[in-house]
Amino acid sequence: MGSKDSALRLKDRNIVENQYVKMGAYHTLDLELNRKFELRKREWDTVALERIDINECHTRSFAASLL
């Protein structure tokens, strides 16, 4: 399994301009398996929190089934 098989590539356009990225510019983020990342958001709605909780449970169940 190569690194492309174990990564998630996210692409989108910037909706808020800052000193590093202009408004409307495209950006890409690669998330790799077994590599930590931190996701921050000022405000989380209940739907987003439920999705994270559900996915965390599925991940833990899958990991437990591998043991």
PDB file of N, CA and C in Angstrom:
ATOM      1  N   MET A   1       0.854  -1.172   0.000  1.00  0.00           N
ATOM      2  CA  MET A   1       0.000   0.000   0.000  1.00  0.00           C
ATOM      3  C   MET A   1       0.899   1.234   0.000  1.00  0.00           C
ATOM      4  N   GLY A   2       0.773   2.075  -0.990  1.00  0.00           N
ATOM      5  CA  GLY A   2       1.566   3.289  -1.078  1.00  0.00           C
ATOM      6  C   GLY A   2       0.961   4.427  -0.286  1.00  0.00           C
ATOM      7  N   SER A   3       1.705   5.535  -0.228  1.00  0.00           N
ATOM      8  CA  SER A   3       1.226   6.674   0.551  1.00  0.00           C
ATOM      9  C   SER A   3      -0.048   7.270  -0.031  1.00  0.00           C
ATOM     10  N   LYS A   4      -0.251   7.136  -1.348  1.00  0.00           N
ATOM     11  CA  LYS A   4      -1.479   7.648  -1.966  1.00  0.00           C
ATOM     12  C   LYS A   4      -2.696   6.852  -1.515  1.00  0.00           C
ATOM     13  N   ASP A   5      -2.487   5.565  -1.172  1.00  0.00           N
ATOM     14  CA  ASP A   5      -3.579   4.709  -0.712  1.00  0.00           C
ATOM     15  C   ASP A   5      -3.997   5.022   0.718  1.00  0.00           C
ATOM     16  N   SER A   6      -3.161   5.711   1.454  1.00  0.00           N
ATOM     17  CA  SER A   6      -3.448   5.962   2.866  1.00  0.00           C
ATOM     18  C   SER A   6      -3.502   7.457   3.184  1.00  0.00           C
ATOM     19  N   ALA A   7      -3.975   8.248   2.224  1.00  0.00           N
ATOM     20  CA  ALA A   7      -4.071   9.692   2.441  1.00  0.00           C
ATOM     21  C   ALA A   7      -5.416  10.205   1.945  1.00  0.00           C
ATOM     22  N   LEU A   8      -5.820  11.302   2.530  1.00  0.00           N
ATOM     23  CA  LEU A   8      -7.042  11.973   2.124  1.00  0.00           C
ATOM     24  C   LEU A   8      -6.657  13.376   1.679  1.00  0.00           C
ATOM     25  N   ARG A   9      -6.968  13.726   0.450  1.00  0.00           N
ATOM     26  CA  ARG A   9      -6.629  15.054  -0.083  1.00  0.00           C
ATOM     27  C   ARG A   9      -7.890  15.906  -0.125  1.00  0.00           C
ATOM     28  N   LEU A  10      -7.828  17.046   0.546  1.00  0.00           N
ATOM     29  CA  LEU A  10      -8.942  17.996   0.582  1.00  0.00           C
ATOM     30  C   LEU A  10      -8.564  19.218  -0.229  1.00  0.00           C
ATOM     31  N   LYS A  11      -9.470  19.635  -1.116  1.00  0.00           N
ATOM     32  CA  LYS A  11      -9.232  20.815  -1.957  1.00  0.00           C
ATOM     33  C   LYS A  11     -10.437  21.732  -1.864  1.00  0.00           C
ATOM     34  N   ASP A  12     -10.181  23.036  -1.832  1.00  0.00           N
ATOM     35  CA  ASP A  12     -11.273  24.003  -1.803  1.00  0.00           C
ATOM     36  C   ASP A  12     -10.722  25.396  -2.073  1.00  0.00           C
ATOM     37  N   ARG A  13     -11.639  26.361  -2.133  1.00  0.00           N
ATOM     38  CA  ARG A  13     -11.240  27.757  -2.323  1.00  0.00           C
ATOM     39  C   ARG A  13     -11.305  28.497  -0.995  1.00  0.00           C
ATOM     40  N   ASN A  14     -10.400  29.437  -0.843  1.00  0.00           N
ATOM     41  CA  ASN A  14     -10.349  30.249   0.355  1.00  0.00           C
ATOM     42  C   ASN A  14     -11.488  31.264   0.347  1.00  0.00           C
ATOM     43  N   ILE A  15     -12.236  31.345   1.435  1.00  0.00           N
ATOM     44  CA  ILE A  15     -13.358  32.289   1.509  1.00  0.00           C
ATOM     45  C   ILE A  15     -13.045  33.481   2.409  1.00  0.00           C
ATOM     46  N   VAL A  16     -11.886  33.432   3.088  1.00  0.00           N
ATOM     47  CA  VAL A  16     -11.446  34.553   3.913  1.00  0.00           C
ATOM     48  C   VAL A  16     -10.001  34.851   3.553  1.00  0.00           C
ATOM     49  N   GLU A  17      -9.737  36.057   3.138  1.00  0.00           N
ATOM     50  CA  GLU A  17      -8.377  36.433   2.756  1.00  0.00           C
ATOM     51  C   GLU A  17      -7.534  36.675   4.003  1.00  0.00           C
ATOM     52  N   ASN A  18      -6.274  36.283   3.913  1.00  0.00           N
ATOM     53  CA  ASN A  18      -5.316  36.588   4.977  1.00  0.00           C
ATOM     54  C   ASN A  18      -3.971  36.916   4.344  1.00  0.00           C
ATOM     55  N   GLN A  19      -2.948  37.118   5.150  1.00  0.00           N
ATOM     56  CA  GLN A  19      -1.651  37.529   4.606  1.00  0.00           C
ATOM     57  C   GLN A  19      -0.983  36.437   3.778  1.00  0.00           C
ATOM     58  N   TYR A  20      -1.433  35.188   3.916  1.00  0.00           N
ATOM     59  CA  TYR A  20      -0.807  34.071   3.205  1.00  0.00           C
ATOM     60  C   TYR A  20      -1.595  33.608   1.986  1.00  0.00           C
ATOM     61  N   VAL A  21      -2.919  33.762   2.029  1.00  0.00           N
ATOM     62  CA  VAL A  21      -3.772  33.246   0.956  1.00  0.00           C
ATOM     63  C   VAL A  21      -4.775  34.316   0.540  1.00  0.00           C
ATOM     64  N   LYS A  22      -4.830  34.567  -0.753  1.00  0.00           N
ATOM     65  CA  LYS A  22      -5.765  35.560  -1.288  1.00  0.00           C
ATOM     66  C   LYS A  22      -7.179  34.983  -1.371  1.00  0.00           C
ATOM     67  N   MET A  23      -8.167  35.857  -1.348  1.00  0.00           N
ATOM     68  CA  MET A  23      -9.569  35.474  -1.471  1.00  0.00           C
ATOM     69  C   MET A  23      -9.785  34.742  -2.792  1.00  0.00           C
ATOM     70  N   GLY A  24     -10.435  33.589  -2.735  1.00  0.00           N
ATOM     71  CA  GLY A  24     -10.740  32.821  -3.933  1.00  0.00           C
ATOM     72  C   GLY A  24      -9.625  31.904  -4.406  1.00  0.00           C
ATOM     73  N   ALA A  25      -8.452  32.002  -3.786  1.00  0.00           N
ATOM     74  CA  ALA A  25      -7.339  31.127  -4.177  1.00  0.00           C
ATOM     75  C   ALA A  25      -7.645  29.694  -3.734  1.00  0.00           C
ATOM     76  N   TYR A  26      -7.157  28.735  -4.494  1.00  0.00           N
ATOM     77  CA  TYR A  26      -7.356  27.329  -4.147  1.00  0.00           C
ATOM     78  C   TYR A  26      -6.274  26.865  -3.185  1.00  0.00           C
ATOM     79  N   HIS A  27      -6.645  25.974  -2.291  1.00  0.00           N
ATOM     80  CA  HIS A  27      -5.685  25.384  -1.368  1.00  0.00           C
ATOM     81  C   HIS A  27      -5.941  23.883  -1.279  1.00  0.00           C
ATOM     82  N   THR A  28      -4.909  23.150  -0.881  1.00  0.00           N
ATOM     83  CA  THR A  28      -4.986  21.694  -0.755  1.00  0.00           C
ATOM     84  C   THR A  28      -4.401  21.289   0.590  1.00  0.00           C
ATOM     85  N   LEU A  29      -5.050  20.326   1.204  1.00  0.00           N
ATOM     86  CA  LEU A  29      -4.576  19.785   2.471  1.00  0.00           C
ATOM     87  C   LEU A  29      -4.542  18.271   2.343  1.00  0.00           C
ATOM     88  N   ASP A  30      -3.395  17.676   2.619  1.00  0.00           N
ATOM     89  CA  ASP A  30      -3.259  16.214   2.590  1.00  0.00           C
ATOM     90  C   ASP A  30      -3.212  15.688   4.012  1.00  0.00           C
ATOM     91  N   LEU A  31      -4.137  14.790   4.339  1.00  0.00           N
ATOM     92  CA  LEU A  31      -4.148  14.116   5.632  1.00  0.00           C
ATOM     93  C   LEU A  31      -3.662  12.696   5.399  1.00  0.00           C
ATOM     94  N   GLU A  32      -2.657  12.298   6.163  1.00  0.00           N
ATOM     95  CA  GLU A  32      -2.064  10.978   5.979  1.00  0.00           C
ATOM     96  C   GLU A  32      -2.395  10.059   7.147  1.00  0.00           C
ATOM     97  N   LEU A  33      -2.538   8.787   6.853  1.00  0.00           N
ATOM     98  CA  LEU A  33      -2.809   7.773   7.856  1.00  0.00           C
ATOM     99  C   LEU A  33      -1.693   7.757   8.897  1.00  0.00           C
ATOM    100  N   ASN A  34      -2.054   7.687  10.165  1.00  0.00           N
ATOM    101  CA  ASN A  34      -1.124   7.637  11.301  1.00  0.00           C
ATOM    102  C   ASN A  34      -0.306   8.909  11.491  1.00  0.00           C
ATOM    103  N   ARG A  35      -0.740  10.003  10.892  1.00  0.00           N
ATOM    104  CA  ARG A  35      -0.073  11.292  11.094  1.00  0.00           C
ATOM    105  C   ARG A  35      -1.067  12.229  11.772  1.00  0.00           C
ATOM    106  N   LYS A  36      -0.703  12.728  12.935  1.00  0.00           N
ATOM    107  CA  LYS A  36      -1.613  13.555  13.717  1.00  0.00           C
ATOM    108  C   LYS A  36      -1.880  14.889  13.029  1.00  0.00           C
ATOM    109  N   PHE A  37      -3.096  15.384  13.240  1.00  0.00           N
ATOM    110  CA  PHE A  37      -3.456  16.724  12.785  1.00  0.00           C
ATOM    111  C   PHE A  37      -4.441  17.309  13.782  1.00  0.00           C
ATOM    112  N   GLU A  38      -4.537  18.603  13.781  1.00  0.00           N
ATOM    113  CA  GLU A  38      -5.442  19.291  14.698  1.00  0.00           C
ATOM    114  C   GLU A  38      -6.433  20.101  13.879  1.00  0.00           C
ATOM    115  N   LEU A  39      -7.698  19.943  14.217  1.00  0.00           N
ATOM    116  CA  LEU A  39      -8.772  20.657  13.537  1.00  0.00           C
ATOM    117  C   LEU A  39      -9.381  21.644  14.516  1.00  0.00           C
ATOM    118  N   ARG A  40      -9.368  22.904  14.136  1.00  0.00           N
ATOM    119  CA  ARG A  40      -9.933  23.943  15.001  1.00  0.00           C
ATOM    120  C   ARG A  40     -11.079  24.635  14.299  1.00  0.00           C
ATOM    121  N   LYS A  41     -12.061  24.981  15.088  1.00  0.00           N
ATOM    122  CA  LYS A  41     -13.209  25.713  14.587  1.00  0.00           C
ATOM    123  C   LYS A  41     -13.740  26.560  15.732  1.00  0.00           C
ATOM    124  N   ARG A  42     -14.053  27.803  15.469  1.00  0.00           N
ATOM    125  CA  ARG A  42     -14.503  28.696  16.540  1.00  0.00           C
ATOM    126  C   ARG A  42     -15.784  28.217  17.185  1.00  0.00           C
ATOM    127  N   GLU A  43     -16.702  27.747  16.383  1.00  0.00           N
ATOM    128  CA  GLU A  43     -17.992  27.328  16.894  1.00  0.00           C
ATOM    129  C   GLU A  43     -18.410  26.034  16.216  1.00  0.00           C
ATOM    130  N   TRP A  44     -18.789  25.047  17.010  1.00  0.00           N
ATOM    131  CA  TRP A  44     -19.220  23.764  16.481  1.00  0.00           C
ATOM    132  C   TRP A  44     -20.719  23.609  16.707  1.00  0.00           C
ATOM    133  N   ASP A  45     -21.451  23.255  15.652  1.00  0.00           N
ATOM    134  CA  ASP A  45     -22.880  22.996  15.835  1.00  0.00           C
ATOM    135  C   ASP A  45     -23.070  21.533  16.235  1.00  0.00           C
ATOM    136  N   THR A  46     -24.249  21.203  16.700  1.00  0.00           N
ATOM    137  CA  THR A  46     -24.507  19.849  17.210  1.00  0.00           C
ATOM    138  C   THR A  46     -24.381  18.787  16.123  1.00  0.00           C
ATOM    139  N   VAL A  47     -24.723  19.124  14.888  1.00  0.00           N
ATOM    140  CA  VAL A  47     -24.612  18.150  13.787  1.00  0.00           C
ATOM    141  C   VAL A  47     -23.152  17.761  13.574  1.00  0.00           C
ATOM    142  N   ALA A  48     -22.273  18.749  13.545  1.00  0.00           N
ATOM    143  CA  ALA A  48     -20.845  18.469  13.354  1.00  0.00           C
ATOM    144  C   ALA A  48     -20.300  17.641  14.512  1.00  0.00           C
ATOM    145  N   LEU A  49     -20.665  17.992  15.731  1.00  0.00           N
ATOM    146  CA  LEU A  49     -20.197  17.242  16.905  1.00  0.00           C
ATOM    147  C   LEU A  49     -20.700  15.806  16.891  1.00  0.00           C
ATOM    148  N   GLU A  50     -21.942  15.598  16.464  1.00  0.00           N
ATOM    149  CA  GLU A  50     -22.480  14.235  16.371  1.00  0.00           C
ATOM    150  C   GLU A  50     -21.737  13.426  15.320  1.00  0.00           C
ATOM    151  N   ARG A  51     -21.400  14.052  14.197  1.00  0.00           N
ATOM    152  CA  ARG A  51     -20.650  13.338  13.150  1.00  0.00           C
ATOM    153  C   ARG A  51     -19.282  12.914  13.649  1.00  0.00           C
ATOM    154  N   ILE A  52     -18.622  13.798  14.372  1.00  0.00           N
ATOM    155  CA  ILE A  52     -17.306  13.455  14.920  1.00  0.00           C
ATOM    156  C   ILE A  52     -17.442  12.312  15.913  1.00  0.00           C
ATOM    157  N   ASP A  53     -18.433  12.386  16.789  1.00  0.00           N
ATOM    158  CA  ASP A  53     -18.651  11.346  17.791  1.00  0.00           C
ATOM    159  C   ASP A  53     -18.951  10.003  17.135  1.00  0.00           C
ATOM    160  N   ILE A  54     -19.813   9.991  16.113  1.00  0.00           N
ATOM    161  CA  ILE A  54     -20.152   8.757  15.402  1.00  0.00           C
ATOM    162  C   ILE A  54     -18.914   8.171  14.738  1.00  0.00           C
ATOM    163  N   ASN A  55     -18.126   8.999  14.057  1.00  0.00           N
ATOM    164  CA  ASN A  55     -16.931   8.510  13.372  1.00  0.00           C
ATOM    165  C   ASN A  55     -15.886   8.016  14.356  1.00  0.00           C
ATOM    166  N   GLU A  56     -15.771   8.675  15.508  1.00  0.00           N
ATOM    167  CA  GLU A  56     -14.840   8.222  16.533  1.00  0.00           C
ATOM    168  C   GLU A  56     -15.224   6.828  17.022  1.00  0.00           C
ATOM    169  N   CYS A  57     -16.516   6.607  17.230  1.00  0.00           N
ATOM    170  CA  CYS A  57     -16.990   5.293  17.682  1.00  0.00           C
ATOM    171  C   CYS A  57     -16.689   4.219  16.650  1.00  0.00           C
ATOM    172  N   HIS A  58     -16.929   4.516  15.368  1.00  0.00           N
ATOM    173  CA  HIS A  58     -16.644   3.548  14.304  1.00  0.00           C
ATOM    174  C   HIS A  58     -15.155   3.241  14.246  1.00  0.00           C
ATOM    175  N   THR A  59     -14.322   4.253  14.396  1.00  0.00           N
ATOM    176  CA  THR A  59     -12.872   4.057  14.347  1.00  0.00           C
ATOM    177  C   THR A  59     -12.416   3.200  15.505  1.00  0.00           C
ATOM    178  N   ARG A  60     -12.932   3.467  16.705  1.00  0.00           N
ATOM    179  CA  ARG A  60     -12.559   2.673  17.870  1.00  0.00           C
ATOM    180  C   ARG A  60     -13.018   1.237  17.722  1.00  0.00           C
ATOM    181  N   SER A  61     -14.230   1.031  17.205  1.00  0.00           N
ATOM    182  CA  SER A  61     -14.745  -0.332  17.014  1.00  0.00           C
ATOM    183  C   SER A  61     -13.901  -1.090  16.020  1.00  0.00           C
ATOM    184  N   PHE A  62     -13.507  -0.431  14.938  1.00  0.00           N
ATOM    185  CA  PHE A  62     -12.682  -1.066  13.926  1.00  0.00           C
ATOM    186  C   PHE A  62     -11.324  -1.417  14.502  1.00  0.00           C
ATOM    187  N   ALA A  63     -10.727  -0.483  15.263  1.00  0.00           N
ATOM    188  CA  ALA A  63      -9.416  -0.727  15.866  1.00  0.00           C
ATOM    189  C   ALA A  63      -9.502  -1.890  16.851  1.00  0.00           C
ATOM    190  N   ALA A  64     -10.572  -1.940  17.631  1.00  0.00           N
ATOM    191  CA  ALA A  64     -10.736  -3.022  18.595  1.00  0.00           C
ATOM    192  C   ALA A  64     -10.890  -4.365  17.894  1.00  0.00           C
ATOM    193  N   SER A  65     -11.549  -4.386  16.737  1.00  0.00           N
ATOM    194  CA  SER A  65     -11.755  -5.641  16.027  1.00  0.00           C
ATOM    195  C   SER A  65     -10.437  -6.163  15.431  1.00  0.00           C
ATOM    196  N   LEU A  66      -9.472  -5.272  15.241  1.00  0.00           N
ATOM    197  CA  LEU A  66      -8.166  -5.710  14.711  1.00  0.00           C
ATOM    198  C   LEU A  66      -7.303  -6.361  15.774  1.00  0.00           C
ATOM    199  N   LEU A  67      -7.586  -6.063  17.047  1.00  0.00           N
ATOM    200  CA  LEU A  67      -6.759  -6.614  18.138  1.00  0.00           C
ATOM    201  C   LEU A  67      -7.025  -8.037  18.368  1.00  0.00           C
TER     202      LEU A  67
END
